[in-house]
Amino acid sequence: MNYTFADNINGLKPSAIREILKLSSQPGIIPFSAGNPAGEAFPSKEVAEISNAILEKDPIMALQYSVTEGYAPLREYIAKYMKEKYSVGSEDDDIIITSGAQQVMNLVTKVFVNRGDTIICEDPSFIGSLNAFRSFGANLVGVPVEADGIDLNALENAIKISENVRFLYTIPNFQNPSGVTMSLEKRKAVYEICKKYGVLILEDNPYGEIRFSGEDIPTIKSMDTDGIVIYAGSFSKVLSPGMRVGYAIANKEIMAKLTVCKQTDDVHTTLWSQLVSYKFVTEYDFEAHLEKIRSIYRRKANLCMRLADEHLKPAVDYYPVEGGLFLWCKLPENIDMMEFTMKALENKVAVVPGTAFSVDTAAKSDRIRINYSTPTDEQIINGMEILGKLLK
């Protein structure tokens, strides 16, 4: 049979990261290509204790259907936590629990974007979000990322010349893939530019809680007095990605539409994982847990950067990081990025080609992304040495 696929889906290509991940899962491969949190950061023992207690004391609640908006005590906790710690949320805002932060990207696009409408994106950006936007037939316009965040002049110009701009998608903290953190001055300017032109901001912040050095910078949502910022948060990097618990904070009018759309997607986020998340953050020492995982990523990041300095510099440049999971490395002009990526794989080291994160799928790149959270320390040491030898 000849299958006719939807126009929105026909143009989608398999994620380069997922294809490389298939290879990186083979025995002996050093997985710099992954984006997974470190296995030792998972509170496995505590999750088992909580799960057992839930299933012994109130299994029906955990296994039954629930409300689309999410488990009420968890929503109340997030509202209080985000307001007190990050000044996020107002009386005009509401919260919905989602199946990971990825679902926020899907729901927001479904609510606001018609086929052919424009979404402004940092370039490079997270492939999962880019593909979500593409699946709705959106026109993606990329804006370069500088060492301190998005290029403001390019952003304003992109908004001016593009038709039907629906929202700006940004990852201000430890951006994936660049690792860059947007400065406070740029966050304020981004908000003012978008306010000026009536453009919404989708602020994706999966890595904000794993800052392991430097000072926190206020979120763009904390500056939102006009209801133009939709904030996406997640427990994936601080508890478990497999539990699929994310959330959105946005104006109540927006939230009502997101809720209707979520009902058609999955009815509600798995209640078991919501209950586990709630009981972990309220009955265990969540702050101590955050400090533990920050110390893990601090050690791994410092090890990776030290070895990059030793084996890759001065030929390769990268942005030093204060959090997150990635190094974004620029190869010398005389080295073909895709050839280097494949040679690395032949030598049992998997890195992600920079083209995977380009807004323009046909664009060239001289970058590779290296993840330091998934590999063991020994793998980081061996992998960076192999990459250094390849460069030479």
Protein backbone atom coordinates (compact mmCIF):
# COMPACT_ATOMS: atom_id res chain seq x y z
CA MET A 1 0.00 0.00 0.00
CA ASN A 2 1.16 3.54 -0.74
CA TYR A 3 0.77 5.58 2.41
CA THR A 4 -0.10 9.27 2.26
CA PHE A 5 1.15 11.09 5.35
CA ALA A 6 0.01 14.46 6.67
CA ASP A 7 1.81 17.49 5.27
CA ASN A 8 2.90 18.57 8.75
CA ILE A 9 4.63 15.23 9.34
CA ASN A 10 6.07 14.60 5.87
CA GLY A 11 8.85 17.14 6.37
CA LEU A 12 9.99 15.77 9.73
CA LYS A 13 13.24 13.82 9.82
CA PRO A 14 14.41 11.44 12.53
CA SER A 15 16.29 13.25 15.28
CA ALA A 16 20.03 13.00 14.65
CA ILE A 17 20.48 12.67 18.39
CA ARG A 18 18.13 9.68 18.59
CA GLU A 19 19.83 8.00 15.64
CA ILE A 20 23.26 8.47 17.22
CA LEU A 21 21.86 7.34 20.58
CA LYS A 22 20.95 4.03 18.96
CA LEU A 23 24.62 3.57 18.13
CA SER A 24 25.86 5.00 21.44
CA SER A 25 23.92 2.34 23.34
CA GLN A 26 26.15 -0.33 21.82
CA PRO A 27 28.70 -1.88 24.18
CA GLY A 28 31.96 0.05 24.48
CA ILE A 29 30.66 3.37 23.11
CA ILE A 30 31.44 6.47 25.20
CA PRO A 31 28.07 8.33 25.27
CA PHE A 32 28.96 12.02 24.95
CA SER A 33 25.90 12.16 22.66
CA ALA A 34 23.37 11.55 25.42
CA GLY A 35 21.41 14.21 27.26
CA ASN A 36 20.39 12.07 30.17
CA PRO A 37 20.86 13.06 33.80
CA ALA A 38 23.54 11.14 35.69
CA GLY A 39 22.23 7.81 36.95
CA GLU A 40 23.78 8.41 40.37
CA ALA A 41 21.62 11.55 40.70
CA PHE A 42 18.37 9.56 40.79
CA PRO A 43 16.81 9.12 44.27
CA SER A 44 16.01 5.48 43.50
CA LYS A 45 15.74 4.32 47.11
CA GLU A 46 13.36 7.13 48.05
CA VAL A 47 11.20 6.61 44.95
CA ALA A 48 10.87 2.92 45.83
CA GLU A 49 9.89 3.76 49.42
CA ILE A 50 7.29 6.30 48.30
CA SER A 51 5.87 4.01 45.61
CA ASN A 52 5.51 1.11 48.01
CA ALA A 53 3.74 3.30 50.56
CA ILE A 54 1.35 4.68 47.91
CA LEU A 55 0.47 1.26 46.54
CA GLU A 56 -0.01 -0.21 50.01
CA LYS A 57 -2.08 2.61 51.51
CA ASP A 58 -4.06 4.08 48.61
CA PRO A 59 -3.49 2.14 45.38
CA ILE A 60 -6.81 3.16 43.81
CA MET A 61 -5.93 6.85 43.83
CA ALA A 62 -2.60 6.16 42.14
CA LEU A 63 -4.09 3.83 39.52
CA GLN A 64 -7.35 5.65 38.72
CA TYR A 65 -8.11 8.45 36.24
CA SER A 66 -7.48 11.97 37.54
CA VAL A 67 -8.10 15.60 36.60
CA THR A 68 -6.36 17.11 33.60
CA GLU A 69 -4.90 20.08 35.48
CA GLY A 70 -2.87 17.78 37.72
CA TYR A 71 -2.75 16.61 41.34
CA ALA A 72 -3.94 19.62 43.35
CA PRO A 73 -1.41 19.37 46.25
CA LEU A 74 1.47 19.19 43.75
CA ARG A 75 0.16 22.22 41.87
CA GLU A 76 -0.16 24.13 45.14
CA TYR A 77 3.37 23.16 46.14
CA ILE A 78 4.83 24.29 42.80
CA ALA A 79 2.95 27.60 42.97
CA LYS A 80 4.29 28.31 46.47
CA TYR A 81 7.82 27.09 45.70
CA MET A 82 8.16 29.08 42.47
CA LYS A 83 6.70 32.23 44.01
CA GLU A 84 8.86 32.15 47.13
CA LYS A 85 12.12 31.05 45.50
CA TYR A 86 11.94 32.65 42.04
CA SER A 87 9.14 35.27 42.23
CA VAL A 88 7.30 33.40 39.47
CA GLY A 89 3.51 33.48 39.26
CA SER A 90 0.78 36.01 40.00
CA GLU A 91 -2.91 35.94 40.93
CA ASP A 92 -3.65 36.01 37.19
CA ASP A 93 -1.61 32.84 36.57
CA ASP A 94 -2.42 29.16 36.92
CA ILE A 95 -0.48 25.87 36.77
CA ILE A 96 -0.95 22.66 34.82
CA ILE A 97 1.04 19.44 35.33
CA THR A 98 2.25 17.99 32.02
CA SER A 99 3.86 14.79 30.77
CA GLY A 100 7.32 16.31 30.87
CA ALA A 101 8.17 19.84 29.79
CA GLN A 102 8.20 18.59 26.18
CA GLN A 103 4.41 18.45 26.32
CA VAL A 104 4.32 22.16 27.17
CA MET A 105 5.96 22.93 23.81
CA ASN A 106 3.40 20.77 22.04
CA LEU A 107 0.40 22.26 23.84
CA VAL A 108 1.49 25.88 23.44
CA THR A 109 2.05 25.38 19.72
CA LYS A 110 -1.31 23.65 19.34
CA VAL A 111 -3.05 26.53 21.12
CA PHE A 112 -1.40 29.46 19.33
CA VAL A 113 0.03 28.40 15.97
CA ASN A 114 -1.74 27.95 12.66
CA ARG A 115 0.10 26.40 9.74
CA GLY A 116 2.52 28.98 8.30
CA ASP A 117 2.65 31.13 11.44
CA THR A 118 6.10 32.09 12.71
CA ILE A 119 7.91 30.97 15.84
CA ILE A 120 11.15 32.78 16.68
CA CYS A 121 13.77 30.40 18.10
CA GLU A 122 17.27 30.71 19.43
CA ASP A 123 19.66 29.24 16.89
CA PRO A 124 20.91 26.66 17.80
CA SER A 125 18.14 25.23 19.99
CA PHE A 126 16.73 22.05 21.49
CA ILE A 127 15.82 19.59 18.73
CA GLY A 128 12.81 18.20 20.61
CA SER A 129 11.13 21.59 20.70
CA LEU A 130 12.10 22.46 17.13
CA ASN A 131 10.52 19.25 15.86
CA ALA A 132 7.40 19.86 17.93
CA PHE A 133 7.03 23.27 16.28
CA ARG A 134 7.67 21.81 12.82
CA SER A 135 5.03 19.14 13.34
CA PHE A 136 2.38 21.90 13.38
CA GLY A 137 3.61 23.42 10.12
CA ALA A 138 5.16 26.45 11.81
CA ASN A 139 7.63 28.71 10.03
CA LEU A 140 10.77 28.71 12.24
CA VAL A 141 13.00 31.78 12.24
CA GLY A 142 16.35 31.44 13.99
CA VAL A 143 18.16 34.15 15.98
CA PRO A 144 21.84 33.65 16.85
CA VAL A 145 22.93 32.87 20.40
CA GLU A 146 25.86 34.89 21.72
CA ALA A 147 28.04 34.24 24.79
CA ASP A 148 25.51 36.07 26.99
CA GLY A 149 22.34 34.89 25.28
CA ILE A 150 20.19 35.73 22.28
CA ASP A 151 21.28 38.48 19.85
CA LEU A 152 18.88 41.34 20.70
CA ASN A 153 19.26 43.27 17.44
CA ALA A 154 18.67 40.13 15.41
CA LEU A 155 15.67 39.28 17.58
CA GLU A 156 13.95 42.62 17.03
CA ASN A 157 14.72 42.53 13.33
CA ALA A 158 13.33 38.99 13.02
CA ILE A 159 10.10 40.05 14.70
CA LYS A 160 9.82 43.10 12.42
CA ILE A 161 10.28 41.26 9.13
CA SER A 162 8.45 38.00 9.92
CA GLU A 163 4.73 37.46 9.40
CA ASN A 164 2.37 36.29 12.14
CA VAL A 165 4.96 35.86 14.89
CA ARG A 166 3.20 33.86 17.59
CA PHE A 167 5.92 33.47 20.21
CA LEU A 168 9.62 33.46 21.02
CA TYR A 169 11.06 30.18 22.29
CA THR A 170 14.03 30.59 24.63
CA ILE A 171 16.07 28.48 27.07
CA PRO A 172 17.69 31.23 29.19
CA ASN A 173 19.58 28.98 31.63
CA PHE A 174 22.39 26.70 30.40
CA GLN A 175 20.86 26.58 26.97
CA ASN A 176 20.69 23.29 25.11
CA PRO A 177 22.97 22.83 23.20
CA SER A 178 25.20 25.87 23.77
CA GLY A 179 25.33 25.86 27.58
CA VAL A 180 24.97 29.66 27.45
CA THR A 181 23.08 31.57 30.16
CA MET A 182 21.26 34.74 29.15
CA SER A 183 22.35 37.82 31.10
CA LEU A 184 19.92 39.77 33.28
CA GLU A 185 20.19 42.78 30.97
CA LYS A 186 19.23 40.67 27.97
CA ARG A 187 16.32 39.05 29.80
CA LYS A 188 14.90 42.47 30.58
CA ALA A 189 15.44 43.58 26.98
CA VAL A 190 13.86 40.40 25.55
CA TYR A 191 10.77 41.01 27.67
CA GLU A 192 10.49 44.64 26.55
CA ILE A 193 11.00 43.79 22.87
CA CYS A 194 8.33 41.08 22.94
CA LYS A 195 5.97 43.31 24.89
CA LYS A 196 6.49 46.11 22.38
CA TYR A 197 5.50 43.90 19.43
CA GLY A 198 2.83 41.83 21.17
CA VAL A 199 4.80 38.57 21.00
CA LEU A 200 4.47 35.84 23.63
CA ILE A 201 7.54 34.29 25.27
CA LEU A 202 7.82 30.56 25.90
CA GLU A 203 10.50 30.32 28.61
CA ASP A 204 11.84 26.76 28.88
CA ASN A 205 13.82 26.21 32.08
CA PRO A 206 14.66 22.51 32.57
CA TYR A 207 18.20 23.17 33.83
CA GLY A 208 17.72 26.15 36.16
CA GLU A 209 17.84 24.08 39.36
CA ILE A 210 21.20 22.53 38.48
CA ARG A 211 23.30 25.67 38.65
CA PHE A 212 26.51 24.50 40.33
CA SER A 213 28.46 27.77 40.32
CA GLY A 214 27.73 31.49 40.01
CA GLU A 215 24.57 33.31 41.03
CA ASP A 216 20.96 32.69 40.00
CA ILE A 217 19.55 35.18 37.47
CA PRO A 218 15.86 36.10 37.69
CA THR A 219 13.62 34.31 35.22
CA ILE A 220 11.88 36.24 32.47
CA LYS A 221 8.58 35.04 33.93
CA SER A 222 9.42 36.85 37.20
CA MET A 223 9.33 40.11 35.21
CA ASP A 224 5.97 39.32 33.61
CA THR A 225 3.40 41.97 34.51
CA ASP A 226 1.52 41.66 31.22
CA GLY A 227 0.76 37.94 31.01
CA ILE A 228 2.98 37.39 27.97
CA VAL A 229 5.34 34.73 29.40
CA ILE A 230 4.55 31.01 29.49
CA TYR A 231 6.96 29.27 31.83
CA ALA A 232 7.87 25.60 31.37
CA GLY A 233 9.45 23.71 34.27
CA SER A 234 10.29 20.08 34.87
CA PHE A 235 11.22 17.46 37.46
CA SER A 236 13.09 15.49 34.80
CA LYS A 237 16.56 16.82 35.60
CA VAL A 238 16.13 16.95 39.38
CA LEU A 239 14.17 13.74 40.09
CA SER A 240 13.74 11.46 37.09
CA PRO A 241 13.12 11.96 33.37
CA GLY A 242 11.35 8.62 33.15
CA MET A 243 8.58 9.77 35.49
CA ARG A 244 7.58 12.45 32.93
CA VAL A 245 6.47 15.23 35.27
CA GLY A 246 6.66 18.77 33.95
CA TYR A 247 4.52 21.86 34.40
CA ALA A 248 3.52 25.17 32.87
CA ILE A 249 2.78 28.47 34.58
CA ALA A 250 0.83 30.98 32.52
CA ASN A 251 -2.08 33.39 32.47
CA LYS A 252 -5.39 31.72 33.39
CA GLU A 253 -6.90 32.44 29.97
CA ILE A 254 -3.99 30.66 28.30
CA MET A 255 -4.14 27.85 30.84
CA ALA A 256 -7.79 27.13 30.07
CA LYS A 257 -6.88 26.47 26.43
CA LEU A 258 -3.83 24.37 27.36
CA THR A 259 -6.04 22.24 29.59
CA VAL A 260 -8.57 21.54 26.83
CA CYS A 261 -5.75 20.55 24.48
CA LYS A 262 -4.15 18.29 27.07
CA GLN A 263 -7.46 16.47 27.49
CA THR A 264 -7.24 15.43 23.84
CA ASP A 265 -3.56 14.46 24.18
CA ASP A 266 -3.35 12.17 27.21
CA VAL A 267 -6.30 13.06 29.52
CA HIS A 268 -3.87 13.69 32.41
CA THR A 269 -0.27 13.12 33.45
CA THR A 270 0.34 9.77 35.16
CA LEU A 271 -0.93 10.18 38.72
CA TRP A 272 1.58 7.75 40.24
CA SER A 273 4.49 9.94 39.11
CA GLN A 274 2.75 13.09 40.35
CA LEU A 275 2.20 11.51 43.78
CA VAL A 276 5.82 10.36 43.99
CA SER A 277 7.07 13.81 43.01
CA TYR A 278 4.83 15.53 45.56
CA LYS A 279 5.76 13.23 48.43
CA PHE A 280 9.47 13.47 47.60
CA VAL A 281 9.56 17.28 47.64
CA THR A 282 7.39 17.54 50.77
CA GLU A 283 8.44 14.56 52.91
CA TYR A 284 12.16 14.36 52.09
CA ASP A 285 14.91 16.99 52.11
CA PHE A 286 14.53 18.36 48.59
CA GLU A 287 17.15 21.09 49.05
CA ALA A 288 19.72 18.55 50.24
CA HIS A 289 18.92 16.43 47.20
CA LEU A 290 19.44 19.42 44.90
CA GLU A 291 22.81 20.12 46.51
CA LYS A 292 23.78 16.49 46.00
CA ILE A 293 23.03 16.50 42.28
CA ARG A 294 24.67 19.91 41.84
CA SER A 295 27.86 18.51 43.37
CA ILE A 296 27.72 15.59 40.92
CA TYR A 297 27.40 17.88 37.90
CA ARG A 298 29.97 20.33 39.26
CA ARG A 299 32.53 17.54 39.44
CA LYS A 300 31.67 16.14 36.02
CA ALA A 301 31.59 19.54 34.30
CA ASN A 302 34.89 20.64 35.82
CA LEU A 303 36.49 17.34 34.82
CA CYS A 304 35.20 17.65 31.26
CA MET A 305 36.31 21.30 30.91
CA ARG A 306 39.75 20.56 32.36
CA LEU A 307 40.24 17.71 29.91
CA ALA A 308 38.91 19.85 27.03
CA ASP A 309 41.54 22.44 27.91
CA GLU A 310 44.19 19.71 28.04
CA HIS A 311 43.29 17.71 24.92
CA LEU A 312 41.21 19.96 22.64
CA LYS A 313 42.46 23.51 23.10
CA PRO A 314 43.58 25.72 21.46
CA ALA A 315 42.15 24.10 18.33
CA VAL A 316 38.67 23.72 19.84
CA ASP A 317 36.83 26.50 21.65
CA TYR A 318 33.80 26.20 23.95
CA TYR A 319 31.66 28.29 26.28
CA PRO A 320 32.57 27.60 29.95
CA VAL A 321 29.45 26.51 31.85
CA GLU A 322 28.08 27.15 35.35
CA GLY A 323 25.30 24.58 35.15
CA GLY A 324 23.36 22.32 32.83
CA LEU A 325 24.63 19.22 31.08
CA PHE A 326 26.53 20.26 27.94
CA LEU A 327 29.67 21.70 26.35
CA TRP A 328 29.22 23.31 22.93
CA CYS A 329 32.51 22.92 21.09
CA LYS A 330 33.66 24.81 17.98
CA LEU A 331 35.94 22.82 15.67
CA PRO A 332 38.78 24.36 13.63
CA GLU A 333 37.89 25.64 10.17
CA ASN A 334 39.95 22.93 8.44
CA ILE A 335 37.98 20.07 10.04
CA ASP A 336 34.68 18.90 8.59
CA MET A 337 32.23 18.54 11.48
CA MET A 338 30.29 15.54 10.13
CA GLU A 339 33.46 13.71 9.14
CA PHE A 340 34.88 14.33 12.62
CA THR A 341 31.64 13.09 14.21
CA MET A 342 31.71 9.85 12.22
CA LYS A 343 35.45 9.33 12.86
CA ALA A 344 34.77 9.78 16.58
CA LEU A 345 32.04 7.14 16.39
CA GLU A 346 34.41 4.76 14.63
CA ASN A 347 36.71 5.28 17.62
CA LYS A 348 33.89 4.44 20.05
CA VAL A 349 33.06 8.04 21.02
CA ALA A 350 29.57 9.38 20.23
CA VAL A 351 29.10 13.16 20.01
CA VAL A 352 26.17 15.06 18.49
CA PRO A 353 26.70 17.05 15.26
CA GLY A 354 25.82 20.72 15.59
CA THR A 355 23.48 20.56 12.61
CA ALA A 356 21.02 18.58 14.76
CA PHE A 357 20.21 21.81 16.63
CA SER A 358 19.98 24.19 13.68
CA VAL A 359 16.69 25.96 13.02
CA ASP A 360 17.44 25.67 9.29
CA THR A 361 17.77 21.92 8.69
CA ALA A 362 19.98 22.58 5.65
CA ALA A 363 22.42 24.82 7.52
CA LYS A 364 26.06 23.86 8.01
CA SER A 365 27.73 23.79 11.41
CA ASP A 366 31.23 23.67 12.83
CA ARG A 367 30.03 22.63 16.30
CA ILE A 368 29.60 19.44 18.26
CA ARG A 369 27.75 18.95 21.55
CA ILE A 370 29.40 17.00 24.35
CA ASN A 371 27.32 15.76 27.28
CA TYR A 372 29.16 15.20 30.56
CA SER A 373 26.29 14.01 32.77
CA THR A 374 25.72 10.54 31.30
CA PRO A 375 29.28 9.16 30.91
CA THR A 376 31.21 7.90 33.91
CA ASP A 377 34.29 9.84 35.01
CA GLU A 378 36.46 7.15 33.43
CA GLN A 379 34.56 7.47 30.15
CA ILE A 380 34.97 11.26 30.20
CA ILE A 381 38.73 10.88 30.70
CA ASN A 382 39.10 8.28 27.92
CA GLY A 383 36.68 10.02 25.56
CA MET A 384 38.34 13.43 25.72
CA GLU A 385 41.73 11.84 25.14
CA ILE A 386 40.41 10.03 22.05
CA LEU A 387 38.85 13.23 20.68
CA GLY A 388 42.16 15.04 21.23
CA LYS A 389 44.05 12.40 19.30
CA LEU A 390 41.53 12.60 16.47
CA LEU A 391 42.03 16.35 16.24
CA LYS A 392 45.78 15.90 15.89
